[in-house]
């Protein structure tokens, strides 16, 4: 009886590449925000087209220097302020390098098209 050959992780694709498309070729929308000083004052990247949680279809993927990737509510926008290019430069650089290799397009706010894509991805 022939044995079934198991594909390597590289040939199967990682969880991240399946979930986020081909990170090296797909442009990913991102919104950079800054927490109030009372909450640490750090910069957070919100990915408005990438679901953050299977349980909450309105949550989005987020990333911070400390804490790395996690789910976040888009309501964070009401508790934060827009980050300036100087404030988010370091975080953007980190996301564009290995191991993430994102091609980022920075937005100030989420669009209806982004929300539609998020909901479509959440249904998968």
PDB file of N, CA and C in Angstrom:
ATOM      1  N   UNK A   1       0.844  -1.173   0.000  1.00  0.00           N
ATOM      2  CA  UNK A   1       0.000   0.000   0.000  1.00  0.00           C
ATOM      3  C   UNK A   1       0.895   1.244   0.000  1.00  0.00           C
ATOM      4  N   UNK A   2       0.754   2.124  -0.999  1.00  0.00           N
ATOM      5  CA  UNK A   2       1.589   3.326  -1.041  1.00  0.00           C
ATOM      6  C   UNK A   2       1.226   4.262   0.098  1.00  0.00           C
ATOM      7  N   UNK A   3       2.254   4.873   0.643  1.00  0.00           N
ATOM      8  CA  UNK A   3       2.003   5.831   1.719  1.00  0.00           C
ATOM      9  C   UNK A   3       1.737   7.196   1.136  1.00  0.00           C
ATOM     10  N   UNK A   4       0.893   7.916   1.813  1.00  0.00           N
ATOM     11  CA  UNK A   4       0.571   9.268   1.375  1.00  0.00           C
ATOM     12  C   UNK A   4       1.723  10.185   1.738  1.00  0.00           C
ATOM     13  N   UNK A   5       2.238  10.885   0.745  1.00  0.00           N
ATOM     14  CA  UNK A   5       3.353  11.787   0.983  1.00  0.00           C
ATOM     15  C   UNK A   5       2.831  13.086   1.596  1.00  0.00           C
ATOM     16  N   UNK A   6       3.377  13.431   2.734  1.00  0.00           N
ATOM     17  CA  UNK A   6       2.969  14.650   3.422  1.00  0.00           C
ATOM     18  C   UNK A   6       3.736  15.842   2.855  1.00  0.00           C
ATOM     19  N   UNK A   7       3.002  16.874   2.488  1.00  0.00           N
ATOM     20  CA  UNK A   7       3.653  18.073   1.971  1.00  0.00           C
ATOM     21  C   UNK A   7       4.303  18.830   3.106  1.00  0.00           C
ATOM     22  N   UNK A   8       5.403  19.466   2.794  1.00  0.00           N
ATOM     23  CA  UNK A   8       6.094  20.261   3.810  1.00  0.00           C
ATOM     24  C   UNK A   8       5.274  21.503   4.132  1.00  0.00           C
ATOM     25  N   UNK A   9       5.570  22.120   5.261  1.00  0.00           N
ATOM     26  CA  UNK A   9       4.874  23.350   5.655  1.00  0.00           C
ATOM     27  C   UNK A   9       5.051  24.430   4.592  1.00  0.00           C
ATOM     28  N   UNK A  10       6.221  24.501   4.005  1.00  0.00           N
ATOM     29  CA  UNK A  10       6.488  25.525   2.985  1.00  0.00           C
ATOM     30  C   UNK A  10       5.589  25.330   1.774  1.00  0.00           C
ATOM     31  N   UNK A  11       5.363  24.089   1.363  1.00  0.00           N
ATOM     32  CA  UNK A  11       4.533  23.868   0.188  1.00  0.00           C
ATOM     33  C   UNK A  11       3.048  24.015   0.499  1.00  0.00           C
ATOM     34  N   UNK A  12       2.665  23.776   1.760  1.00  0.00           N
ATOM     35  CA  UNK A  12       1.264  23.950   2.160  1.00  0.00           C
ATOM     36  C   UNK A  12       0.931  25.417   2.317  1.00  0.00           C
ATOM     37  N   UNK A  13       1.919  26.223   2.676  1.00  0.00           N
ATOM     38  CA  UNK A  13       1.689  27.633   2.974  1.00  0.00           C
ATOM     39  C   UNK A  13       1.417  27.787   4.450  1.00  0.00           C
ATOM     40  N   UNK A  14       1.953  28.806   5.021  1.00  0.00           N
ATOM     41  CA  UNK A  14       1.753  29.043   6.448  1.00  0.00           C
ATOM     42  C   UNK A  14       0.349  29.572   6.688  1.00  0.00           C
ATOM     43  N   UNK A  15      -0.083  29.556   7.928  1.00  0.00           N
ATOM     44  CA  UNK A  15      -1.383  30.096   8.284  1.00  0.00           C
ATOM     45  C   UNK A  15      -1.479  31.553   7.864  1.00  0.00           C
ATOM     46  N   UNK A  16      -0.418  32.322   8.094  1.00  0.00           N
ATOM     47  CA  UNK A  16      -0.426  33.741   7.764  1.00  0.00           C
ATOM     48  C   UNK A  16      -0.600  33.950   6.264  1.00  0.00           C
ATOM     49  N   UNK A  17       0.111  33.195   5.423  1.00  0.00           N
ATOM     50  CA  UNK A  17       0.009  33.434   3.983  1.00  0.00           C
ATOM     51  C   UNK A  17      -1.364  33.044   3.459  1.00  0.00           C
ATOM     52  N   UNK A  18      -1.989  32.011   4.032  1.00  0.00           N
ATOM     53  CA  UNK A  18      -3.330  31.637   3.593  1.00  0.00           C
ATOM     54  C   UNK A  18      -4.339  32.687   4.030  1.00  0.00           C
ATOM     55  N   UNK A  19      -4.152  33.232   5.201  1.00  0.00           N
ATOM     56  CA  UNK A  19      -5.099  34.176   5.743  1.00  0.00           C
ATOM     57  C   UNK A  19      -4.959  35.556   5.127  1.00  0.00           C
ATOM     58  N   UNK A  20      -3.743  35.948   4.815  1.00  0.00           N
ATOM     59  CA  UNK A  20      -3.478  37.312   4.359  1.00  0.00           C
ATOM     60  C   UNK A  20      -3.114  37.392   2.889  1.00  0.00           C
ATOM     61  N   UNK A  21      -3.242  36.300   2.168  1.00  0.00           N
ATOM     62  CA  UNK A  21      -2.831  36.312   0.771  1.00  0.00           C
ATOM     63  C   UNK A  21      -1.323  36.253   0.685  1.00  0.00           C
ATOM     64  N   UNK A  22      -0.801  36.498  -0.486  1.00  0.00           N
ATOM     65  CA  UNK A  22       0.647  36.489  -0.668  1.00  0.00           C
ATOM     66  C   UNK A  22       1.185  37.825  -0.199  1.00  0.00           C
ATOM     67  N   UNK A  23       1.742  37.836   0.999  1.00  0.00           N
ATOM     68  CA  UNK A  23       2.183  39.092   1.615  1.00  0.00           C
ATOM     69  C   UNK A  23       3.254  39.799   0.796  1.00  0.00           C
ATOM     70  N   UNK A  24       3.993  39.060  -0.023  1.00  0.00           N
ATOM     71  CA  UNK A  24       5.062  39.684  -0.795  1.00  0.00           C
ATOM     72  C   UNK A  24       4.553  40.383  -2.047  1.00  0.00           C
ATOM     73  N   UNK A  25       3.312  40.098  -2.484  1.00  0.00           N
ATOM     74  CA  UNK A  25       2.827  40.745  -3.698  1.00  0.00           C
ATOM     75  C   UNK A  25       1.554  41.545  -3.471  1.00  0.00           C
ATOM     76  N   UNK A  26       0.780  41.194  -2.475  1.00  0.00           N
ATOM     77  CA  UNK A  26      -0.484  41.869  -2.214  1.00  0.00           C
ATOM     78  C   UNK A  26      -0.264  43.118  -1.369  1.00  0.00           C
ATOM     79  N   UNK A  27      -0.855  44.227  -1.798  1.00  0.00           N
ATOM     80  CA  UNK A  27      -0.771  45.462  -1.021  1.00  0.00           C
ATOM     81  C   UNK A  27      -1.793  45.372   0.108  1.00  0.00           C
ATOM     82  N   UNK A  28      -1.346  45.647   1.325  1.00  0.00           N
ATOM     83  CA  UNK A  28      -2.185  45.522   2.505  1.00  0.00           C
ATOM     84  C   UNK A  28      -2.483  46.911   3.072  1.00  0.00           C
ATOM     85  N   UNK A  29      -3.763  47.284   3.168  1.00  0.00           N
ATOM     86  CA  UNK A  29      -4.105  48.569   3.792  1.00  0.00           C
ATOM     87  C   UNK A  29      -3.778  48.546   5.286  1.00  0.00           C
ATOM     88  N   UNK A  30      -3.285  49.656   5.801  1.00  0.00           N
ATOM     89  CA  UNK A  30      -2.957  49.768   7.222  1.00  0.00           C
ATOM     90  C   UNK A  30      -3.301  51.172   7.710  1.00  0.00           C
ATOM     91  N   UNK A  31      -3.753  51.244   8.964  1.00  0.00           N
ATOM     92  CA  UNK A  31      -4.043  52.515   9.616  1.00  0.00           C
ATOM     93  C   UNK A  31      -3.191  52.563  10.875  1.00  0.00           C
ATOM     94  N   UNK A  32      -2.337  53.562  10.989  1.00  0.00           N
ATOM     95  CA  UNK A  32      -1.480  53.711  12.167  1.00  0.00           C
ATOM     96  C   UNK A  32      -2.120  54.715  13.128  1.00  0.00           C
ATOM     97  N   UNK A  33      -2.207  54.321  14.391  1.00  0.00           N
ATOM     98  CA  UNK A  33      -2.784  55.165  15.429  1.00  0.00           C
ATOM     99  C   UNK A  33      -1.848  55.215  16.628  1.00  0.00           C
ATOM    100  N   UNK A  34      -1.998  56.236  17.478  1.00  0.00           N
ATOM    101  CA  UNK A  34      -1.179  56.394  18.684  1.00  0.00           C
ATOM    102  C   UNK A  34      -2.100  56.373  19.903  1.00  0.00           C
ATOM    103  N   UNK A  35      -1.737  55.539  20.880  1.00  0.00           N
ATOM    104  CA  UNK A  35      -2.471  55.475  22.141  1.00  0.00           C
ATOM    105  C   UNK A  35      -2.215  56.759  22.936  1.00  0.00           C
ATOM    106  N   UNK A  36      -3.154  57.151  23.800  1.00  0.00           N
ATOM    107  CA  UNK A  36      -2.893  58.292  24.702  1.00  0.00           C
ATOM    108  C   UNK A  36      -1.714  57.962  25.631  1.00  0.00           C
ATOM    109  N   UNK A  37      -1.037  58.986  26.096  1.00  0.00           N
ATOM    110  CA  UNK A  37       0.108  58.779  27.002  1.00  0.00           C
ATOM    111  C   UNK A  37      -0.290  57.962  28.231  1.00  0.00           C
ATOM    112  N   UNK A  38      -1.513  58.173  28.727  1.00  0.00           N
ATOM    113  CA  UNK A  38      -1.993  57.428  29.896  1.00  0.00           C
ATOM    114  C   UNK A  38      -2.076  55.923  29.623  1.00  0.00           C
ATOM    115  N   UNK A  39      -2.169  55.542  28.346  1.00  0.00           N
ATOM    116  CA  UNK A  39      -2.245  54.126  27.968  1.00  0.00           C
ATOM    117  C   UNK A  39      -0.946  53.656  27.303  1.00  0.00           C
ATOM    118  N   UNK A  40       0.129  54.365  27.527  1.00  0.00           N
ATOM    119  CA  UNK A  40       1.439  53.947  27.024  1.00  0.00           C
ATOM    120  C   UNK A  40       1.982  54.771  25.877  1.00  0.00           C
ATOM    121  N   UNK A  41       1.120  55.435  25.122  1.00  0.00           N
ATOM    122  CA  UNK A  41       1.572  56.295  24.039  1.00  0.00           C
ATOM    123  C   UNK A  41       2.190  55.590  22.849  1.00  0.00           C
ATOM    124  N   UNK A  42       2.066  54.272  22.760  1.00  0.00           N
ATOM    125  CA  UNK A  42       2.662  53.523  21.658  1.00  0.00           C
ATOM    126  C   UNK A  42       1.851  53.595  20.380  1.00  0.00           C
ATOM    127  N   UNK A  43       2.480  53.191  19.296  1.00  0.00           N
ATOM    128  CA  UNK A  43       1.833  53.179  17.985  1.00  0.00           C
ATOM    129  C   UNK A  43       1.256  51.791  17.741  1.00  0.00           C
ATOM    130  N   UNK A  44       0.057  51.740  17.188  1.00  0.00           N
ATOM    131  CA  UNK A  44      -0.592  50.482  16.827  1.00  0.00           C
ATOM    132  C   UNK A  44      -0.947  50.533  15.344  1.00  0.00           C
ATOM    133  N   UNK A  45      -0.722  49.422  14.661  1.00  0.00           N
ATOM    134  CA  UNK A  45      -1.101  49.285  13.254  1.00  0.00           C
ATOM    135  C   UNK A  45      -2.383  48.467  13.195  1.00  0.00           C
ATOM    136  N   UNK A  46      -3.393  48.989  12.531  1.00  0.00           N
ATOM    137  CA  UNK A  46      -4.652  48.278  12.338  1.00  0.00           C
ATOM    138  C   UNK A  46      -4.763  47.882  10.878  1.00  0.00           C
ATOM    139  N   UNK A  47      -5.101  46.623  10.638  1.00  0.00           N
ATOM    140  CA  UNK A  47      -5.262  46.105   9.278  1.00  0.00           C
ATOM    141  C   UNK A  47      -6.754  45.938   9.011  1.00  0.00           C
ATOM    142  N   UNK A  48      -7.411  46.948   8.401  1.00  0.00           N
ATOM    143  CA  UNK A  48      -8.868  46.963   8.298  1.00  0.00           C
ATOM    144  C   UNK A  48      -9.477  45.933   7.355  1.00  0.00           C
ATOM    145  N   UNK A  49      -8.663  45.186   6.624  1.00  0.00           N
ATOM    146  CA  UNK A  49      -9.216  44.159   5.724  1.00  0.00           C
ATOM    147  C   UNK A  49      -8.877  42.741   6.175  1.00  0.00           C
ATOM    148  N   UNK A  50      -8.201  42.608   7.333  1.00  0.00           N
ATOM    149  CA  UNK A  50      -7.793  41.289   7.818  1.00  0.00           C
ATOM    150  C   UNK A  50      -8.528  40.989   9.123  1.00  0.00           C
ATOM    151  N   UNK A  51      -9.353  39.940   9.137  1.00  0.00           N
ATOM    152  CA  UNK A  51     -10.089  39.604  10.362  1.00  0.00           C
ATOM    153  C   UNK A  51      -9.144  39.314  11.520  1.00  0.00           C
ATOM    154  N   UNK A  52      -9.520  39.767  12.705  1.00  0.00           N
ATOM    155  CA  UNK A  52      -8.700  39.547  13.882  1.00  0.00           C
ATOM    156  C   UNK A  52      -9.130  38.341  14.688  1.00  0.00           C
ATOM    157  N   UNK A  53     -10.412  37.990  14.610  1.00  0.00           N
ATOM    158  CA  UNK A  53     -10.944  36.901  15.412  1.00  0.00           C
ATOM    159  C   UNK A  53     -12.077  36.219  14.668  1.00  0.00           C
ATOM    160  N   UNK A  54     -12.133  34.903  14.801  1.00  0.00           N
ATOM    161  CA  UNK A  54     -13.220  34.155  14.176  1.00  0.00           C
ATOM    162  C   UNK A  54     -14.538  34.397  14.914  1.00  0.00           C
ATOM    163  N   UNK A  55     -14.458  34.767  16.185  1.00  0.00           N
ATOM    164  CA  UNK A  55     -15.665  34.983  16.990  1.00  0.00           C
ATOM    165  C   UNK A  55     -16.298  36.352  16.776  1.00  0.00           C
ATOM    166  N   UNK A  56     -15.505  37.336  16.397  1.00  0.00           N
ATOM    167  CA  UNK A  56     -16.012  38.697  16.217  1.00  0.00           C
ATOM    168  C   UNK A  56     -15.694  39.148  14.803  1.00  0.00           C
ATOM    169  N   UNK A  57     -16.681  39.131  13.948  1.00  0.00           N
ATOM    170  CA  UNK A  57     -16.424  39.434  12.537  1.00  0.00           C
ATOM    171  C   UNK A  57     -16.070  40.887  12.283  1.00  0.00           C
ATOM    172  N   UNK A  58     -16.214  41.749  13.300  1.00  0.00           N
ATOM    173  CA  UNK A  58     -15.852  43.150  13.144  1.00  0.00           C
ATOM    174  C   UNK A  58     -14.476  43.470  13.726  1.00  0.00           C
ATOM    175  N   UNK A  59     -13.809  42.482  14.312  1.00  0.00           N
ATOM    176  CA  UNK A  59     -12.464  42.737  14.822  1.00  0.00           C
ATOM    177  C   UNK A  59     -11.470  42.655  13.666  1.00  0.00           C
ATOM    178  N   UNK A  60     -10.358  43.362  13.814  1.00  0.00           N
ATOM    179  CA  UNK A  60      -9.333  43.383  12.781  1.00  0.00           C
ATOM    180  C   UNK A  60      -7.997  42.942  13.378  1.00  0.00           C
ATOM    181  N   UNK A  61      -7.092  42.532  12.523  1.00  0.00           N
ATOM    182  CA  UNK A  61      -5.735  42.202  12.943  1.00  0.00           C
ATOM    183  C   UNK A  61      -5.032  43.510  13.322  1.00  0.00           C
ATOM    184  N   UNK A  62      -4.216  43.457  14.356  1.00  0.00           N
ATOM    185  CA  UNK A  62      -3.446  44.629  14.759  1.00  0.00           C
ATOM    186  C   UNK A  62      -2.018  44.201  15.056  1.00  0.00           C
ATOM    187  N   UNK A  63      -1.126  45.189  15.157  1.00  0.00           N
ATOM    188  CA  UNK A  63       0.275  44.888  15.440  1.00  0.00           C
ATOM    189  C   UNK A  63       0.887  46.056  16.201  1.00  0.00           C
ATOM    190  N   UNK A  64       1.672  45.727  17.228  1.00  0.00           N
ATOM    191  CA  UNK A  64       2.426  46.720  18.001  1.00  0.00           C
ATOM    192  C   UNK A  64       3.817  46.159  18.239  1.00  0.00           C
ATOM    193  N   UNK A  65       4.786  47.037  18.474  1.00  0.00           N
ATOM    194  CA  UNK A  65       6.132  46.559  18.794  1.00  0.00           C
ATOM    195  C   UNK A  65       6.075  45.594  19.971  1.00  0.00           C
ATOM    196  N   UNK A  66       5.376  45.988  21.021  1.00  0.00           N
ATOM    197  CA  UNK A  66       5.224  45.144  22.206  1.00  0.00           C
ATOM    198  C   UNK A  66       3.867  44.460  22.102  1.00  0.00           C
ATOM    199  N   UNK A  67       3.859  43.158  22.157  1.00  0.00           N
ATOM    200  CA  UNK A  67       2.603  42.428  22.051  1.00  0.00           C
ATOM    201  C   UNK A  67       2.403  41.803  20.683  1.00  0.00           C
ATOM    202  N   UNK A  68       3.057  42.362  19.686  1.00  0.00           N
ATOM    203  CA  UNK A  68       3.031  41.828  18.323  1.00  0.00           C
ATOM    204  C   UNK A  68       1.602  41.774  17.762  1.00  0.00           C
ATOM    205  N   UNK A  69       1.245  40.665  17.070  1.00  0.00           N
ATOM    206  CA  UNK A  69      -0.065  40.558  16.420  1.00  0.00           C
ATOM    207  C   UNK A  69      -1.163  40.202  17.408  1.00  0.00           C
ATOM    208  N   UNK A  70      -2.358  40.699  17.146  1.00  0.00           N
ATOM    209  CA  UNK A  70      -3.514  40.373  17.964  1.00  0.00           C
ATOM    210  C   UNK A  70      -4.768  40.954  17.344  1.00  0.00           C
ATOM    211  N   UNK A  71      -5.907  40.534  17.864  1.00  0.00           N
ATOM    212  CA  UNK A  71      -7.186  41.055  17.395  1.00  0.00           C
ATOM    213  C   UNK A  71      -7.471  42.388  18.083  1.00  0.00           C
ATOM    214  N   UNK A  72      -8.131  43.278  17.367  1.00  0.00           N
ATOM    215  CA  UNK A  72      -8.495  44.582  17.930  1.00  0.00           C
ATOM    216  C   UNK A  72      -9.826  45.026  17.348  1.00  0.00           C
ATOM    217  N   UNK A  73     -10.544  45.789  18.112  1.00  0.00           N
ATOM    218  CA  UNK A  73     -11.784  46.385  17.648  1.00  0.00           C
ATOM    219  C   UNK A  73     -11.448  47.680  16.908  1.00  0.00           C
ATOM    220  N   UNK A  74     -12.175  47.966  15.855  1.00  0.00           N
ATOM    221  CA  UNK A  74     -11.968  49.236  15.152  1.00  0.00           C
ATOM    222  C   UNK A  74     -12.405  50.413  16.032  1.00  0.00           C
ATOM    223  N   UNK A  75     -13.079  50.134  17.147  1.00  0.00           N
ATOM    224  CA  UNK A  75     -13.436  51.198  18.093  1.00  0.00           C
ATOM    225  C   UNK A  75     -12.199  51.833  18.721  1.00  0.00           C
ATOM    226  N   UNK A  76     -11.047  51.193  18.584  1.00  0.00           N
ATOM    227  CA  UNK A  76      -9.790  51.768  19.074  1.00  0.00           C
ATOM    228  C   UNK A  76      -9.577  53.167  18.494  1.00  0.00           C
ATOM    229  N   UNK A  77     -10.102  53.379  17.306  1.00  0.00           N
ATOM    230  CA  UNK A  77      -9.925  54.666  16.637  1.00  0.00           C
ATOM    231  C   UNK A  77     -10.484  55.804  17.497  1.00  0.00           C
ATOM    232  N   UNK A  78     -11.527  55.522  18.284  1.00  0.00           N
ATOM    233  CA  UNK A  78     -12.132  56.560  19.129  1.00  0.00           C
ATOM    234  C   UNK A  78     -11.286  56.858  20.374  1.00  0.00           C
ATOM    235  N   UNK A  79     -10.378  55.950  20.721  1.00  0.00           N
ATOM    236  CA  UNK A  79      -9.528  56.138  21.897  1.00  0.00           C
ATOM    237  C   UNK A  79      -8.108  56.566  21.538  1.00  0.00           C
ATOM    238  N   UNK A  80      -7.812  56.653  20.262  1.00  0.00           N
ATOM    239  CA  UNK A  80      -6.460  56.970  19.806  1.00  0.00           C
ATOM    240  C   UNK A  80      -6.505  58.169  18.867  1.00  0.00           C
ATOM    241  N   UNK A  81      -5.326  58.620  18.475  1.00  0.00           N
ATOM    242  CA  UNK A  81      -5.252  59.697  17.479  1.00  0.00           C
ATOM    243  C   UNK A  81      -4.422  59.202  16.302  1.00  0.00           C
ATOM    244  N   UNK A  82      -4.553  59.835  15.134  1.00  0.00           N
ATOM    245  CA  UNK A  82      -3.744  59.418  13.988  1.00  0.00           C
ATOM    246  C   UNK A  82      -2.248  59.577  14.278  1.00  0.00           C
ATOM    247  N   UNK A  83      -1.466  58.626  13.829  1.00  0.00           N
ATOM    248  CA  UNK A  83      -0.007  58.701  13.982  1.00  0.00           C
ATOM    249  C   UNK A  83       0.580  59.492  12.815  1.00  0.00           C
ATOM    250  N   UNK A  84       1.598  60.265  13.101  1.00  0.00           N
ATOM    251  CA  UNK A  84       2.303  60.986  12.041  1.00  0.00           C
ATOM    252  C   UNK A  84       3.281  60.025  11.368  1.00  0.00           C
ATOM    253  N   UNK A  85       3.726  60.326  10.141  1.00  0.00           N
ATOM    254  CA  UNK A  85       4.714  59.460   9.487  1.00  0.00           C
ATOM    255  C   UNK A  85       5.965  59.238  10.339  1.00  0.00           C
ATOM    256  N   UNK A  86       6.410  60.251  11.052  1.00  0.00           N
ATOM    257  CA  UNK A  86       7.595  60.090  11.918  1.00  0.00           C
ATOM    258  C   UNK A  86       7.307  59.118  13.060  1.00  0.00           C
ATOM    259  N   UNK A  87       6.082  59.146  13.593  1.00  0.00           N
ATOM    260  CA  UNK A  87       5.726  58.266  14.705  1.00  0.00           C
ATOM    261  C   UNK A  87       5.596  56.807  14.271  1.00  0.00           C
ATOM    262  N   UNK A  88       5.057  56.565  13.084  1.00  0.00           N
ATOM    263  CA  UNK A  88       4.852  55.176  12.671  1.00  0.00           C
ATOM    264  C   UNK A  88       5.978  54.605  11.811  1.00  0.00           C
ATOM    265  N   UNK A  89       6.984  55.379  11.483  1.00  0.00           N
ATOM    266  CA  UNK A  89       8.057  54.925  10.585  1.00  0.00           C
ATOM    267  C   UNK A  89       8.725  53.636  11.058  1.00  0.00           C
ATOM    268  N   UNK A  90       9.039  53.542  12.332  1.00  0.00           N
ATOM    269  CA  UNK A  90       9.717  52.366  12.871  1.00  0.00           C
ATOM    270  C   UNK A  90       8.838  51.110  12.773  1.00  0.00           C
ATOM    271  N   UNK A  91       7.572  51.257  13.126  1.00  0.00           N
ATOM    272  CA  UNK A  91       6.650  50.114  13.070  1.00  0.00           C
ATOM    273  C   UNK A  91       6.411  49.693  11.622  1.00  0.00           C
ATOM    274  N   UNK A  92       6.273  50.645  10.729  1.00  0.00           N
ATOM    275  CA  UNK A  92       6.068  50.342   9.310  1.00  0.00           C
ATOM    276  C   UNK A  92       7.276  49.593   8.753  1.00  0.00           C
ATOM    277  N   UNK A  93       8.467  50.056   9.109  1.00  0.00           N
ATOM    278  CA  UNK A  93       9.695  49.391   8.664  1.00  0.00           C
ATOM    279  C   UNK A  93       9.741  47.943   9.162  1.00  0.00           C
ATOM    280  N   UNK A  94       9.358  47.737  10.410  1.00  0.00           N
ATOM    281  CA  UNK A  94       9.347  46.386  10.986  1.00  0.00           C
ATOM    282  C   UNK A  94       8.395  45.461  10.223  1.00  0.00           C
ATOM    283  N   UNK A  95       7.240  45.972   9.856  1.00  0.00           N
ATOM    284  CA  UNK A  95       6.251  45.161   9.148  1.00  0.00           C
ATOM    285  C   UNK A  95       6.644  44.870   7.696  1.00  0.00           C
ATOM    286  N   UNK A  96       7.460  45.736   7.114  1.00  0.00           N
ATOM    287  CA  UNK A  96       7.869  45.553   5.723  1.00  0.00           C
ATOM    288  C   UNK A  96       9.086  44.647   5.586  1.00  0.00           C
ATOM    289  N   UNK A  97       9.735  44.320   6.701  1.00  0.00           N
ATOM    290  CA  UNK A  97      10.915  43.443   6.693  1.00  0.00           C
ATOM    291  C   UNK A  97      10.524  42.016   7.062  1.00  0.00           C
ATOM    292  N   UNK A  98      11.515  41.131   7.010  1.00  0.00           N
ATOM    293  CA  UNK A  98      11.314  39.735   7.406  1.00  0.00           C
ATOM    294  C   UNK A  98      10.917  39.688   8.874  1.00  0.00           C
ATOM    295  N   UNK A  99      10.064  38.827   9.284  1.00  0.00           N
ATOM    296  CA  UNK A  99       9.458  37.743   8.512  1.00  0.00           C
ATOM    297  C   UNK A  99       8.139  38.121   7.850  1.00  0.00           C
ATOM    298  N   UNK A 100       7.660  39.359   8.012  1.00  0.00           N
ATOM    299  CA  UNK A 100       6.332  39.729   7.523  1.00  0.00           C
ATOM    300  C   UNK A 100       6.293  40.087   6.044  1.00  0.00           C
ATOM    301  N   UNK A 101       7.207  40.904   5.593  1.00  0.00           N
ATOM    302  CA  UNK A 101       7.302  41.321   4.183  1.00  0.00           C
ATOM    303  C   UNK A 101       6.011  41.933   3.647  1.00  0.00           C
ATOM    304  N   UNK A 102       5.289  42.672   4.478  1.00  0.00           N
ATOM    305  CA  UNK A 102       4.081  43.334   4.007  1.00  0.00           C
ATOM    306  C   UNK A 102       4.436  44.432   3.005  1.00  0.00           C
ATOM    307  N   UNK A 103       3.582  44.624   2.016  1.00  0.00           N
ATOM    308  CA  UNK A 103       3.618  45.802   1.152  1.00  0.00           C
ATOM    309  C   UNK A 103       2.450  46.649   1.626  1.00  0.00           C
ATOM    310  N   UNK A 104       2.749  47.683   2.381  1.00  0.00           N
ATOM    311  CA  UNK A 104       1.715  48.452   3.054  1.00  0.00           C
ATOM    312  C   UNK A 104       1.310  49.702   2.286  1.00  0.00           C
ATOM    313  N   UNK A 105       0.026  49.999   2.351  1.00  0.00           N
ATOM    314  CA  UNK A 105      -0.496  51.276   1.864  1.00  0.00           C
ATOM    315  C   UNK A 105      -1.182  51.924   3.061  1.00  0.00           C
ATOM    316  N   UNK A 106      -0.686  53.085   3.463  1.00  0.00           N
ATOM    317  CA  UNK A 106      -1.167  53.753   4.667  1.00  0.00           C
ATOM    318  C   UNK A 106      -2.425  54.569   4.359  1.00  0.00           C
ATOM    319  N   UNK A 107      -3.423  54.391   5.216  1.00  0.00           N
ATOM    320  CA  UNK A 107      -4.674  55.147   5.139  1.00  0.00           C
ATOM    321  C   UNK A 107      -4.895  55.861   6.467  1.00  0.00           C
ATOM    322  N   UNK A 108      -5.674  56.930   6.434  1.00  0.00           N
ATOM    323  CA  UNK A 108      -6.044  57.642   7.659  1.00  0.00           C
ATOM    324  C   UNK A 108      -7.317  57.069   8.273  1.00  0.00           C
ATOM    325  N   UNK A 109      -8.178  56.489   7.430  1.00  0.00           N
ATOM    326  CA  UNK A 109      -9.432  55.904   7.930  1.00  0.00           C
ATOM    327  C   UNK A 109      -9.841  54.740   7.040  1.00  0.00           C
ATOM    328  N   UNK A 110     -10.669  53.868   7.595  1.00  0.00           N
ATOM    329  CA  UNK A 110     -11.163  52.721   6.842  1.00  0.00           C
ATOM    330  C   UNK A 110     -12.278  53.170   5.894  1.00  0.00           C
ATOM    331  N   UNK A 111     -12.341  52.531   4.747  1.00  0.00           N
ATOM    332  CA  UNK A 111     -13.377  52.836   3.761  1.00  0.00           C
ATOM    333  C   UNK A 111     -14.456  51.747   3.796  1.00  0.00           C
ATOM    334  N   UNK A 112     -15.566  52.003   3.133  1.00  0.00           N
ATOM    335  CA  UNK A 112     -16.620  50.986   3.039  1.00  0.00           C
ATOM    336  C   UNK A 112     -16.115  49.751   2.301  1.00  0.00           C
ATOM    337  N   UNK A 113     -15.286  49.952   1.292  1.00  0.00           N
ATOM    338  CA  UNK A 113     -14.732  48.822   0.547  1.00  0.00           C
ATOM    339  C   UNK A 113     -13.876  47.934   1.458  1.00  0.00           C
ATOM    340  N   UNK A 114     -13.128  48.566   2.365  1.00  0.00           N
ATOM    341  CA  UNK A 114     -12.317  47.791   3.314  1.00  0.00           C
ATOM    342  C   UNK A 114     -13.206  46.979   4.245  1.00  0.00           C
ATOM    343  N   UNK A 115     -14.293  47.596   4.719  1.00  0.00           N
ATOM    344  CA  UNK A 115     -15.210  46.882   5.600  1.00  0.00           C
ATOM    345  C   UNK A 115     -15.866  45.717   4.865  1.00  0.00           C
ATOM    346  N   UNK A 116     -16.236  45.923   3.609  1.00  0.00           N
ATOM    347  CA  UNK A 116     -16.823  44.842   2.817  1.00  0.00           C
ATOM    348  C   UNK A 116     -15.846  43.682   2.670  1.00  0.00           C
ATOM    349  N   UNK A 117     -14.576  43.987   2.413  1.00  0.00           N
ATOM    350  CA  UNK A 117     -13.553  42.940   2.281  1.00  0.00           C
ATOM    351  C   UNK A 117     -13.361  42.218   3.603  1.00  0.00           C
ATOM    352  N   UNK A 118     -13.367  42.954   4.716  1.00  0.00           N
ATOM    353  CA  UNK A 118     -13.223  42.348   6.041  1.00  0.00           C
ATOM    354  C   UNK A 118     -14.349  41.353   6.291  1.00  0.00           C
ATOM    355  N   UNK A 119     -15.580  41.755   6.027  1.00  0.00           N
ATOM    356  CA  UNK A 119     -16.725  40.869   6.255  1.00  0.00           C
ATOM    357  C   UNK A 119     -16.669  39.646   5.354  1.00  0.00           C
ATOM    358  N   UNK A 120     -16.235  39.837   4.122  1.00  0.00           N
ATOM    359  CA  UNK A 120     -16.099  38.709   3.187  1.00  0.00           C
ATOM    360  C   UNK A 120     -15.046  37.727   3.702  1.00  0.00           C
ATOM    361  N   UNK A 121     -13.894  38.244   4.168  1.00  0.00           N
ATOM    362  CA  UNK A 121     -12.831  37.397   4.709  1.00  0.00           C
ATOM    363  C   UNK A 121     -13.287  36.684   5.985  1.00  0.00           C
ATOM    364  N   UNK A 122     -14.077  37.370   6.807  1.00  0.00           N
ATOM    365  CA  UNK A 122     -14.541  36.788   8.064  1.00  0.00           C
ATOM    366  C   UNK A 122     -15.483  35.615   7.831  1.00  0.00           C
ATOM    367  N   UNK A 123     -16.194  35.616   6.698  1.00  0.00           N
ATOM    368  CA  UNK A 123     -17.117  34.517   6.379  1.00  0.00           C
ATOM    369  C   UNK A 123     -16.411  33.272   5.906  1.00  0.00           C
ATOM    370  N   UNK A 124     -15.142  33.377   5.516  1.00  0.00           N
ATOM    371  CA  UNK A 124     -14.399  32.213   4.993  1.00  0.00           C
ATOM    372  C   UNK A 124     -14.282  31.127   6.004  1.00  0.00           C
TER     373      UNK A 124
END
